PDB file of all heavy atoms in Angstrom:
ATOM      1  N   VAL A   1      69.723 150.671 130.263  1.00  0.00           N
ATOM      2  CA  VAL A   1      70.673 151.826 130.076  1.00  0.00           C
ATOM      3  C   VAL A   1      71.500 151.509 128.922  1.00  0.00           C
ATOM      4  O   VAL A   1      72.159 150.415 128.778  1.00  0.00           O
ATOM      5  CB  VAL A   1      71.509 152.044 131.437  1.00  0.00           C
ATOM      6  CG1 VAL A   1      72.626 153.076 131.150  1.00  0.00           C
ATOM      7  CG2 VAL A   1      70.667 152.383 132.570  1.00  0.00           C
ATOM      8  N   GLU A   2      71.574 152.489 128.019  1.00  0.00           N
ATOM      9  CA  GLU A   2      72.603 152.393 126.924  1.00  0.00           C
ATOM     10  C   GLU A   2      73.891 152.964 127.515  1.00  0.00           C
ATOM     11  O   GLU A   2      74.086 154.084 127.776  1.00  0.00           O
ATOM     12  CB  GLU A   2      72.187 153.310 125.767  1.00  0.00           C
ATOM     13  CG  GLU A   2      70.930 152.767 125.035  1.00  0.00           C
ATOM     14  CD  GLU A   2      71.241 151.677 124.013  1.00  0.00           C
ATOM     15  OE1 GLU A   2      72.404 151.536 123.704  1.00  0.00           O
ATOM     16  OE2 GLU A   2      70.334 150.944 123.668  1.00  0.00           O
ATOM     17  N   VAL A   3      74.878 152.017 127.583  1.00  0.00           N
ATOM     18  CA  VAL A   3      76.121 152.248 128.301  1.00  0.00           C
ATOM     19  C   VAL A   3      77.029 153.161 127.579  1.00  0.00           C
ATOM     20  O   VAL A   3      77.474 152.810 126.465  1.00  0.00           O
ATOM     21  CB  VAL A   3      76.688 151.037 128.848  1.00  0.00           C
ATOM     22  CG1 VAL A   3      78.004 151.270 129.620  1.00  0.00           C
ATOM     23  CG2 VAL A   3      75.826 150.217 129.578  1.00  0.00           C
ATOM     24  N   ASP A   4      77.507 154.274 128.094  1.00  0.00           N
ATOM     25  CA  ASP A   4      78.495 155.142 127.485  1.00  0.00           C
ATOM     26  C   ASP A   4      79.883 154.708 128.007  1.00  0.00           C
ATOM     27  O   ASP A   4      80.800 154.615 127.231  1.00  0.00           O
ATOM     28  CB  ASP A   4      78.310 156.592 127.788  1.00  0.00           C
ATOM     29  CG  ASP A   4      77.045 157.103 127.091  1.00  0.00           C
ATOM     30  OD1 ASP A   4      76.734 156.678 125.939  1.00  0.00           O
ATOM     31  OD2 ASP A   4      76.336 157.997 127.718  1.00  0.00           O
ATOM     32  N   HIS A   5      80.005 154.443 129.295  1.00  0.00           N
ATOM     33  CA  HIS A   5      81.220 153.954 129.962  1.00  0.00           C
ATOM     34  C   HIS A   5      80.824 153.025 131.106  1.00  0.00           C
ATOM     35  O   HIS A   5      79.822 153.223 131.814  1.00  0.00           O
ATOM     36  CB  HIS A   5      82.038 155.041 130.403  1.00  0.00           C
ATOM     37  CG  HIS A   5      82.785 155.800 129.437  1.00  0.00           C
ATOM     38  ND1 HIS A   5      82.289 156.980 128.848  1.00  0.00           N
ATOM     39  CD2 HIS A   5      84.007 155.554 128.690  1.00  0.00           C
ATOM     40  CE1 HIS A   5      83.138 157.480 127.928  1.00  0.00           C
ATOM     41  NE2 HIS A   5      84.148 156.600 127.861  1.00  0.00           N
ATOM     42  N   SER A   6      81.669 152.016 131.310  1.00  0.00           N
ATOM     43  CA  SER A   6      81.560 151.146 132.441  1.00  0.00           C
ATOM     44  C   SER A   6      82.828 151.390 133.282  1.00  0.00           C
ATOM     45  O   SER A   6      83.909 151.695 132.820  1.00  0.00           O
ATOM     46  CB  SER A   6      81.634 149.657 131.995  1.00  0.00           C
ATOM     47  OG  SER A   6      80.594 149.432 131.031  1.00  0.00           O
ATOM     48  N   GLY A   7      82.569 151.270 134.651  1.00  0.00           N
ATOM     49  CA  GLY A   7      83.673 151.459 135.557  1.00  0.00           C
ATOM     50  C   GLY A   7      84.346 150.116 135.782  1.00  0.00           C
ATOM     51  O   GLY A   7      83.742 149.053 135.784  1.00  0.00           O
ATOM     52  N   VAL A   8      85.693 150.187 136.025  1.00  0.00           N
ATOM     53  CA  VAL A   8      86.411 148.973 136.282  1.00  0.00           C
ATOM     54  C   VAL A   8      86.959 149.170 137.810  1.00  0.00           C
ATOM     55  O   VAL A   8      87.560 150.141 138.054  1.00  0.00           O
ATOM     56  CB  VAL A   8      87.634 148.785 135.342  1.00  0.00           C
ATOM     57  CG1 VAL A   8      88.287 147.443 135.655  1.00  0.00           C
ATOM     58  CG2 VAL A   8      87.121 148.791 133.933  1.00  0.00           C
ATOM     59  N   ASN A   9      86.676 148.198 138.621  1.00  0.00           N
ATOM     60  CA  ASN A   9      87.062 148.197 140.025  1.00  0.00           C
ATOM     61  C   ASN A   9      87.934 147.057 140.430  1.00  0.00           C
ATOM     62  O   ASN A   9      87.750 145.982 139.816  1.00  0.00           O
ATOM     63  CB  ASN A   9      85.824 148.327 140.969  1.00  0.00           C
ATOM     64  CG  ASN A   9      85.106 149.658 140.827  1.00  0.00           C
ATOM     65  OD1 ASN A   9      85.695 150.676 140.976  1.00  0.00           O
ATOM     66  ND2 ASN A   9      83.833 149.646 140.589  1.00  0.00           N
ATOM     67  N   TYR A  10      88.687 147.179 141.495  1.00  0.00           N
ATOM     68  CA  TYR A  10      89.495 146.059 141.903  1.00  0.00           C
ATOM     69  C   TYR A  10      88.603 144.855 142.284  1.00  0.00           C
ATOM     70  O   TYR A  10      88.895 143.678 142.082  1.00  0.00           O
ATOM     71  CB  TYR A  10      90.388 146.427 143.116  1.00  0.00           C
ATOM     72  CG  TYR A  10      91.537 145.526 143.180  1.00  0.00           C
ATOM     73  CD1 TYR A  10      92.722 145.839 142.505  1.00  0.00           C
ATOM     74  CD2 TYR A  10      91.609 144.299 143.887  1.00  0.00           C
ATOM     75  CE1 TYR A  10      93.883 145.072 142.536  1.00  0.00           C
ATOM     76  CE2 TYR A  10      92.612 143.486 143.840  1.00  0.00           C
ATOM     77  CZ  TYR A  10      93.802 143.870 143.189  1.00  0.00           C
ATOM     78  OH  TYR A  10      94.943 143.064 143.252  1.00  0.00           O
ATOM     79  N   ALA A  11      87.341 145.156 142.771  1.00  0.00           N
ATOM     80  CA  ALA A  11      86.417 144.140 143.194  1.00  0.00           C
ATOM     81  C   ALA A  11      86.102 143.195 141.978  1.00  0.00           C
ATOM     82  O   ALA A  11      85.754 142.005 142.099  1.00  0.00           O
ATOM     83  CB  ALA A  11      85.103 144.702 143.753  1.00  0.00           C
ATOM     84  N   ASP A  12      86.148 143.789 140.828  1.00  0.00           N
ATOM     85  CA  ASP A  12      85.853 143.019 139.610  1.00  0.00           C
ATOM     86  C   ASP A  12      86.772 141.849 139.404  1.00  0.00           C
ATOM     87  O   ASP A  12      86.492 140.881 138.829  1.00  0.00           O
ATOM     88  CB  ASP A  12      85.762 143.924 138.328  1.00  0.00           C
ATOM     89  CG  ASP A  12      84.818 145.093 138.404  1.00  0.00           C
ATOM     90  OD1 ASP A  12      83.909 145.012 139.223  1.00  0.00           O
ATOM     91  OD2 ASP A  12      84.970 145.955 137.573  1.00  0.00           O
ATOM     92  N   THR A  13      88.100 142.168 139.757  1.00  0.00           N
ATOM     93  CA  THR A  13      89.104 141.064 139.625  1.00  0.00           C
ATOM     94  C   THR A  13      88.759 139.883 140.611  1.00  0.00           C
ATOM     95  O   THR A  13      89.026 138.698 140.295  1.00  0.00           O
ATOM     96  CB  THR A  13      90.458 141.559 139.884  1.00  0.00           C
ATOM     97  OG1 THR A  13      90.683 141.871 141.252  1.00  0.00           O
ATOM     98  CG2 THR A  13      90.719 142.798 139.025  1.00  0.00           C
ATOM     99  N   HIS A  14      88.285 140.217 141.688  1.00  0.00           N
ATOM    100  CA  HIS A  14      87.840 139.164 142.699  1.00  0.00           C
ATOM    101  C   HIS A  14      86.563 138.446 142.211  1.00  0.00           C
ATOM    102  O   HIS A  14      86.517 137.213 142.261  1.00  0.00           O
ATOM    103  CB  HIS A  14      87.544 139.762 144.097  1.00  0.00           C
ATOM    104  CG  HIS A  14      88.738 140.116 144.803  1.00  0.00           C
ATOM    105  ND1 HIS A  14      89.543 139.137 145.353  1.00  0.00           N
ATOM    106  CD2 HIS A  14      89.282 141.302 145.173  1.00  0.00           C
ATOM    107  CE1 HIS A  14      90.601 139.736 146.029  1.00  0.00           C
ATOM    108  NE2 HIS A  14      90.454 141.070 145.820  1.00  0.00           N
ATOM    109  N   GLN A  15      85.657 139.150 141.552  1.00  0.00           N
ATOM    110  CA  GLN A  15      84.517 138.576 141.031  1.00  0.00           C
ATOM    111  C   GLN A  15      84.821 137.524 139.887  1.00  0.00           C
ATOM    112  O   GLN A  15      84.227 136.519 139.770  1.00  0.00           O
ATOM    113  CB  GLN A  15      83.537 139.663 140.426  1.00  0.00           C
ATOM    114  CG  GLN A  15      82.159 139.118 140.029  1.00  0.00           C
ATOM    115  CD  GLN A  15      81.306 140.227 139.282  1.00  0.00           C
ATOM    116  OE1 GLN A  15      81.875 141.065 138.567  1.00  0.00           O
ATOM    117  NE2 GLN A  15      80.008 140.100 139.490  1.00  0.00           N
ATOM    118  N   ALA A  16      85.741 137.887 139.075  1.00  0.00           N
ATOM    119  CA  ALA A  16      86.193 136.990 137.954  1.00  0.00           C
ATOM    120  C   ALA A  16      86.718 135.638 138.516  1.00  0.00           C
ATOM    121  O   ALA A  16      86.553 134.616 137.813  1.00  0.00           O
ATOM    122  CB  ALA A  16      87.143 137.689 137.065  1.00  0.00           C
ATOM    123  N   GLU A  17      87.421 135.690 139.642  1.00  0.00           N
ATOM    124  CA  GLU A  17      87.929 134.400 140.178  1.00  0.00           C
ATOM    125  C   GLU A  17      87.082 133.864 141.347  1.00  0.00           C
ATOM    126  O   GLU A  17      87.388 132.882 141.912  1.00  0.00           O
ATOM    127  CB  GLU A  17      89.388 134.673 140.681  1.00  0.00           C
ATOM    128  CG  GLU A  17      89.522 135.577 141.854  1.00  0.00           C
ATOM    129  CD  GLU A  17      90.984 135.839 142.271  1.00  0.00           C
ATOM    130  OE1 GLU A  17      91.868 135.516 141.523  1.00  0.00           O
ATOM    131  OE2 GLU A  17      91.166 136.301 143.398  1.00  0.00           O
ATOM    132  N   ASN A  18      85.949 134.517 141.535  1.00  0.00           N
ATOM    133  CA  ASN A  18      84.922 134.016 142.548  1.00  0.00           C
ATOM    134  C   ASN A  18      85.596 134.044 143.940  1.00  0.00           C
ATOM    135  O   ASN A  18      85.308 133.167 144.777  1.00  0.00           O
ATOM    136  CB  ASN A  18      84.399 132.569 142.190  1.00  0.00           C
ATOM    137  CG  ASN A  18      83.056 132.297 142.872  1.00  0.00           C
ATOM    138  OD1 ASN A  18      82.362 133.301 143.187  1.00  0.00           O
ATOM    139  ND2 ASN A  18      82.801 131.063 143.075  1.00  0.00           N
ATOM    140  N   SER A  19      86.329 135.063 144.228  1.00  0.00           N
ATOM    141  CA  SER A  19      86.876 135.265 145.554  1.00  0.00           C
ATOM    142  C   SER A  19      86.333 136.558 146.188  1.00  0.00           C
ATOM    143  O   SER A  19      86.811 137.027 147.221  1.00  0.00           O
ATOM    144  CB  SER A  19      88.380 135.381 145.518  1.00  0.00           C
ATOM    145  OG  SER A  19      88.779 136.467 144.770  1.00  0.00           O
ATOM    146  N   TYR A  20      85.182 137.056 145.628  1.00  0.00           N
ATOM    147  CA  TYR A  20      84.602 138.260 146.166  1.00  0.00           C
ATOM    148  C   TYR A  20      83.649 137.876 147.338  1.00  0.00           C
ATOM    149  O   TYR A  20      83.315 136.736 147.542  1.00  0.00           O
ATOM    150  CB  TYR A  20      83.754 138.944 145.072  1.00  0.00           C
ATOM    151  CG  TYR A  20      83.359 140.356 145.347  1.00  0.00           C
ATOM    152  CD1 TYR A  20      84.215 141.321 145.925  1.00  0.00           C
ATOM    153  CD2 TYR A  20      81.983 140.723 145.146  1.00  0.00           C
ATOM    154  CE1 TYR A  20      83.848 142.651 146.164  1.00  0.00           C
ATOM    155  CE2 TYR A  20      81.578 142.103 145.426  1.00  0.00           C
ATOM    156  CZ  TYR A  20      82.509 143.013 145.905  1.00  0.00           C
ATOM    157  OH  TYR A  20      82.099 144.252 146.176  1.00  0.00           O
ATOM    158  N   LEU A  21      83.243 138.935 148.128  1.00  0.00           N
ATOM    159  CA  LEU A  21      82.300 138.634 149.230  1.00  0.00           C
ATOM    160  C   LEU A  21      81.037 137.973 148.874  1.00  0.00           C
ATOM    161  O   LEU A  21      80.441 137.207 149.542  1.00  0.00           O
ATOM    162  CB  LEU A  21      82.040 139.988 150.015  1.00  0.00           C
ATOM    163  CG  LEU A  21      83.236 140.566 150.792  1.00  0.00           C
ATOM    164  CD1 LEU A  21      82.888 141.878 151.301  1.00  0.00           C
ATOM    165  CD2 LEU A  21      83.631 139.661 151.950  1.00  0.00           C
ATOM    166  N   ALA A  22      80.425 138.442 147.626  1.00  0.00           N
ATOM    167  CA  ALA A  22      79.315 137.839 147.112  1.00  0.00           C
ATOM    168  C   ALA A  22      79.679 136.812 145.986  1.00  0.00           C
ATOM    169  O   ALA A  22      80.406 137.220 145.108  1.00  0.00           O
ATOM    170  CB  ALA A  22      78.349 138.848 146.473  1.00  0.00           C
ATOM    171  N   ALA A  23      79.198 135.628 146.147  1.00  0.00           N
ATOM    172  CA  ALA A  23      79.618 134.578 145.149  1.00  0.00           C
ATOM    173  C   ALA A  23      79.051 134.911 143.773  1.00  0.00           C
ATOM    174  O   ALA A  23      77.888 135.435 143.647  1.00  0.00           O
ATOM    175  CB  ALA A  23      79.091 133.272 145.664  1.00  0.00           C
ATOM    176  N   SER A  24      79.823 134.599 142.740  1.00  0.00           N
ATOM    177  CA  SER A  24      79.416 134.752 141.367  1.00  0.00           C
ATOM    178  C   SER A  24      78.779 133.376 140.817  1.00  0.00           C
ATOM    179  O   SER A  24      79.190 132.377 141.275  1.00  0.00           O
ATOM    180  CB  SER A  24      80.569 135.079 140.493  1.00  0.00           C
ATOM    181  OG  SER A  24      81.225 136.327 141.002  1.00  0.00           O
ATOM    182  N   ARG A  25      77.932 133.477 139.841  1.00  0.00           N
ATOM    183  CA  ARG A  25      77.288 132.305 139.252  1.00  0.00           C
ATOM    184  C   ARG A  25      77.553 132.388 137.719  1.00  0.00           C
ATOM    185  O   ARG A  25      77.330 133.430 137.058  1.00  0.00           O
ATOM    186  CB  ARG A  25      75.817 132.293 139.431  1.00  0.00           C
ATOM    187  CG  ARG A  25      75.466 132.045 140.928  1.00  0.00           C
ATOM    188  CD  ARG A  25      73.848 131.982 141.116  1.00  0.00           C
ATOM    189  NE  ARG A  25      73.403 133.352 140.858  1.00  0.00           N
ATOM    190  CZ  ARG A  25      72.091 133.603 140.924  1.00  0.00           C
ATOM    191  NH1 ARG A  25      71.193 132.646 141.158  1.00  0.00           N
ATOM    192  NH2 ARG A  25      71.651 134.836 140.680  1.00  0.00           N
ATOM    193  N   LEU A  26      78.231 131.315 137.235  1.00  0.00           N
ATOM    194  CA  LEU A  26      78.539 131.291 135.806  1.00  0.00           C
ATOM    195  C   LEU A  26      77.269 130.911 134.947  1.00  0.00           C
ATOM    196  O   LEU A  26      76.457 130.186 135.334  1.00  0.00           O
ATOM    197  CB  LEU A  26      79.612 130.216 135.587  1.00  0.00           C
ATOM    198  CG  LEU A  26      80.905 130.405 136.198  1.00  0.00           C
ATOM    199  CD1 LEU A  26      81.753 129.150 136.097  1.00  0.00           C
ATOM    200  CD2 LEU A  26      81.671 131.612 135.700  1.00  0.00           C
ATOM    201  N   PRO A  27      77.293 131.404 133.690  1.00  0.00           N
ATOM    202  CA  PRO A  27      78.200 132.461 133.130  1.00  0.00           C
ATOM    203  C   PRO A  27      77.601 133.851 133.562  1.00  0.00           C
ATOM    204  O   PRO A  27      76.502 134.009 133.931  1.00  0.00           O
ATOM    205  CB  PRO A  27      78.039 132.327 131.589  1.00  0.00           C
ATOM    206  CG  PRO A  27      76.578 131.805 131.520  1.00  0.00           C
ATOM    207  CD  PRO A  27      76.285 130.992 132.684  1.00  0.00           C
ATOM    208  N   PHE A  28      78.534 134.877 133.548  1.00  0.00           N
ATOM    209  CA  PHE A  28      78.101 136.200 133.867  1.00  0.00           C
ATOM    210  C   PHE A  28      78.858 137.265 133.147  1.00  0.00           C
ATOM    211  O   PHE A  28      79.929 137.003 132.654  1.00  0.00           O
ATOM    212  CB  PHE A  28      78.162 136.388 135.362  1.00  0.00           C
ATOM    213  CG  PHE A  28      79.577 136.378 135.973  1.00  0.00           C
ATOM    214  CD1 PHE A  28      80.236 137.629 136.079  1.00  0.00           C
ATOM    215  CD2 PHE A  28      80.194 135.251 136.364  1.00  0.00           C
ATOM    216  CE1 PHE A  28      81.530 137.676 136.579  1.00  0.00           C
ATOM    217  CE2 PHE A  28      81.400 135.228 136.931  1.00  0.00           C
ATOM    218  CZ  PHE A  28      82.163 136.439 137.006  1.00  0.00           C
ATOM    219  N   VAL A  29      78.274 138.386 133.102  1.00  0.00           N
ATOM    220  CA  VAL A  29      78.991 139.639 132.547  1.00  0.00           C
ATOM    221  C   VAL A  29      79.417 140.398 133.763  1.00  0.00           C
ATOM    222  O   VAL A  29      78.564 140.809 134.589  1.00  0.00           O
ATOM    223  CB  VAL A  29      77.951 140.462 131.693  1.00  0.00           C
ATOM    224  CG1 VAL A  29      78.596 141.753 131.231  1.00  0.00           C
ATOM    225  CG2 VAL A  29      77.545 139.718 130.472  1.00  0.00           C
ATOM    226  N   PRO A  30      80.616 140.652 133.955  1.00  0.00           N
ATOM    227  CA  PRO A  30      81.147 141.380 135.140  1.00  0.00           C
ATOM    228  C   PRO A  30      80.883 142.891 135.005  1.00  0.00           C
ATOM    229  O   PRO A  30      80.367 143.348 133.884  1.00  0.00           O
ATOM    230  CB  PRO A  30      82.620 141.141 135.086  1.00  0.00           C
ATOM    231  CG  PRO A  30      83.011 140.849 133.713  1.00  0.00           C
ATOM    232  CD  PRO A  30      81.788 140.176 133.077  1.00  0.00           C
ATOM    233  N   GLY A  31      81.188 143.567 136.046  1.00  0.00           N
ATOM    234  CA  GLY A  31      80.978 145.036 136.015  1.00  0.00           C
ATOM    235  C   GLY A  31      79.875 145.458 136.924  1.00  0.00           C
ATOM    236  O   GLY A  31      78.747 145.122 136.679  1.00  0.00           O
ATOM    237  N   GLY A  32      80.174 146.374 137.896  1.00  0.00           N
ATOM    238  CA  GLY A  32      79.217 146.695 138.868  1.00  0.00           C
ATOM    239  C   GLY A  32      78.700 148.197 138.794  1.00  0.00           C
ATOM    240  O   GLY A  32      77.945 148.580 139.589  1.00  0.00           O
ATOM    241  N   GLU A  33      79.131 148.902 137.621  1.00  0.00           N
ATOM    242  CA  GLU A  33      78.761 150.304 137.528  1.00  0.00           C
ATOM    243  C   GLU A  33      78.749 150.801 136.189  1.00  0.00           C
ATOM    244  O   GLU A  33      79.628 150.400 135.323  1.00  0.00           O
ATOM    245  CB  GLU A  33      79.550 151.199 138.470  1.00  0.00           C
ATOM    246  CG  GLU A  33      81.055 151.131 138.089  1.00  0.00           C
ATOM    247  CD  GLU A  33      81.961 151.773 139.148  1.00  0.00           C
ATOM    248  OE1 GLU A  33      81.746 151.761 140.327  1.00  0.00           O
ATOM    249  OE2 GLU A  33      82.981 152.325 138.619  1.00  0.00           O
ATOM    250  N   VAL A  34      77.808 151.567 135.692  1.00  0.00           N
ATOM    251  CA  VAL A  34      77.705 152.122 134.328  1.00  0.00           C
ATOM    252  C   VAL A  34      77.257 153.548 134.373  1.00  0.00           C
ATOM    253  O   VAL A  34      76.582 153.914 135.360  1.00  0.00           O
ATOM    254  CB  VAL A  34      76.821 151.246 133.496  1.00  0.00           C
ATOM    255  CG1 VAL A  34      77.272 149.787 133.260  1.00  0.00           C
ATOM    256  CG2 VAL A  34      75.388 151.272 134.006  1.00  0.00           C
ATOM    257  N   VAL A  35      77.637 154.299 133.445  1.00  0.00           N
ATOM    258  CA  VAL A  35      77.010 155.596 133.182  1.00  0.00           C
ATOM    259  C   VAL A  35      76.497 155.577 131.660  1.00  0.00           C
ATOM    260  O   VAL A  35      77.135 155.102 130.851  1.00  0.00           O
ATOM    261  CB  VAL A  35      77.976 156.784 133.386  1.00  0.00           C
ATOM    262  CG1 VAL A  35      79.180 156.719 132.516  1.00  0.00           C
ATOM    263  CG2 VAL A  35      77.344 158.088 133.281  1.00  0.00           C
ATOM    264  N   GLY A  36      75.356 156.070 131.479  1.00  0.00           N
ATOM    265  CA  GLY A  36      74.701 156.112 130.190  1.00  0.00           C
ATOM    266  C   GLY A  36      73.401 156.776 130.175  1.00  0.00           C
ATOM    267  O   GLY A  36      73.128 157.624 131.010  1.00  0.00           O
ATOM    268  N   ARG A  37      72.534 156.402 129.227  1.00  0.00           N
ATOM    269  CA  ARG A  37      71.257 157.033 128.997  1.00  0.00           C
ATOM    270  C   ARG A  37      70.073 156.020 129.028  1.00  0.00           C
ATOM    271  O   ARG A  37      70.191 154.853 128.592  1.00  0.00           O
ATOM    272  CB  ARG A  37      71.200 157.863 127.748  1.00  0.00           C
ATOM    273  CG  ARG A  37      72.257 158.972 127.657  1.00  0.00           C
ATOM    274  CD  ARG A  37      72.113 159.915 126.643  1.00  0.00           C
ATOM    275  NE  ARG A  37      73.166 161.043 126.712  1.00  0.00           N
ATOM    276  CZ  ARG A  37      72.888 162.156 127.476  1.00  0.00           C
ATOM    277  NH1 ARG A  37      71.697 162.279 128.141  1.00  0.00           N
ATOM    278  NH2 ARG A  37      73.811 163.041 127.582  1.00  0.00           N
ATOM    279  N   THR A  38      69.023 156.379 129.572  1.00  0.00           N
ATOM    280  CA  THR A  38      67.772 155.643 129.687  1.00  0.00           C
ATOM    281  C   THR A  38      66.963 155.949 128.416  1.00  0.00           C
ATOM    282  O   THR A  38      67.184 156.843 127.637  1.00  0.00           O
ATOM    283  CB  THR A  38      66.940 155.978 130.972  1.00  0.00           C
ATOM    284  OG1 THR A  38      66.648 157.360 130.906  1.00  0.00           O
ATOM    285  CG2 THR A  38      67.858 155.692 132.175  1.00  0.00           C
ATOM    286  N   PRO A  39      65.902 155.164 128.209  1.00  0.00           N
ATOM    287  CA  PRO A  39      65.038 155.358 127.002  1.00  0.00           C
ATOM    288  C   PRO A  39      64.428 156.766 126.932  1.00  0.00           C
ATOM    289  O   PRO A  39      64.129 157.220 125.830  1.00  0.00           O
ATOM    290  CB  PRO A  39      63.984 154.263 127.259  1.00  0.00           C
ATOM    291  CG  PRO A  39      64.605 153.146 127.993  1.00  0.00           C
ATOM    292  CD  PRO A  39      65.502 153.926 128.968  1.00  0.00           C
TER     293      PRO A  39
END
């Protein structure tokens, strides 16, 4: 997906500090939702 906009959620702040329900693995690109166009 060619991203036009990404959504920012409060859960992302937990993901950044690894306090979210699902553990994060370093390194990573945060963000759980996008809107854009496919090929």
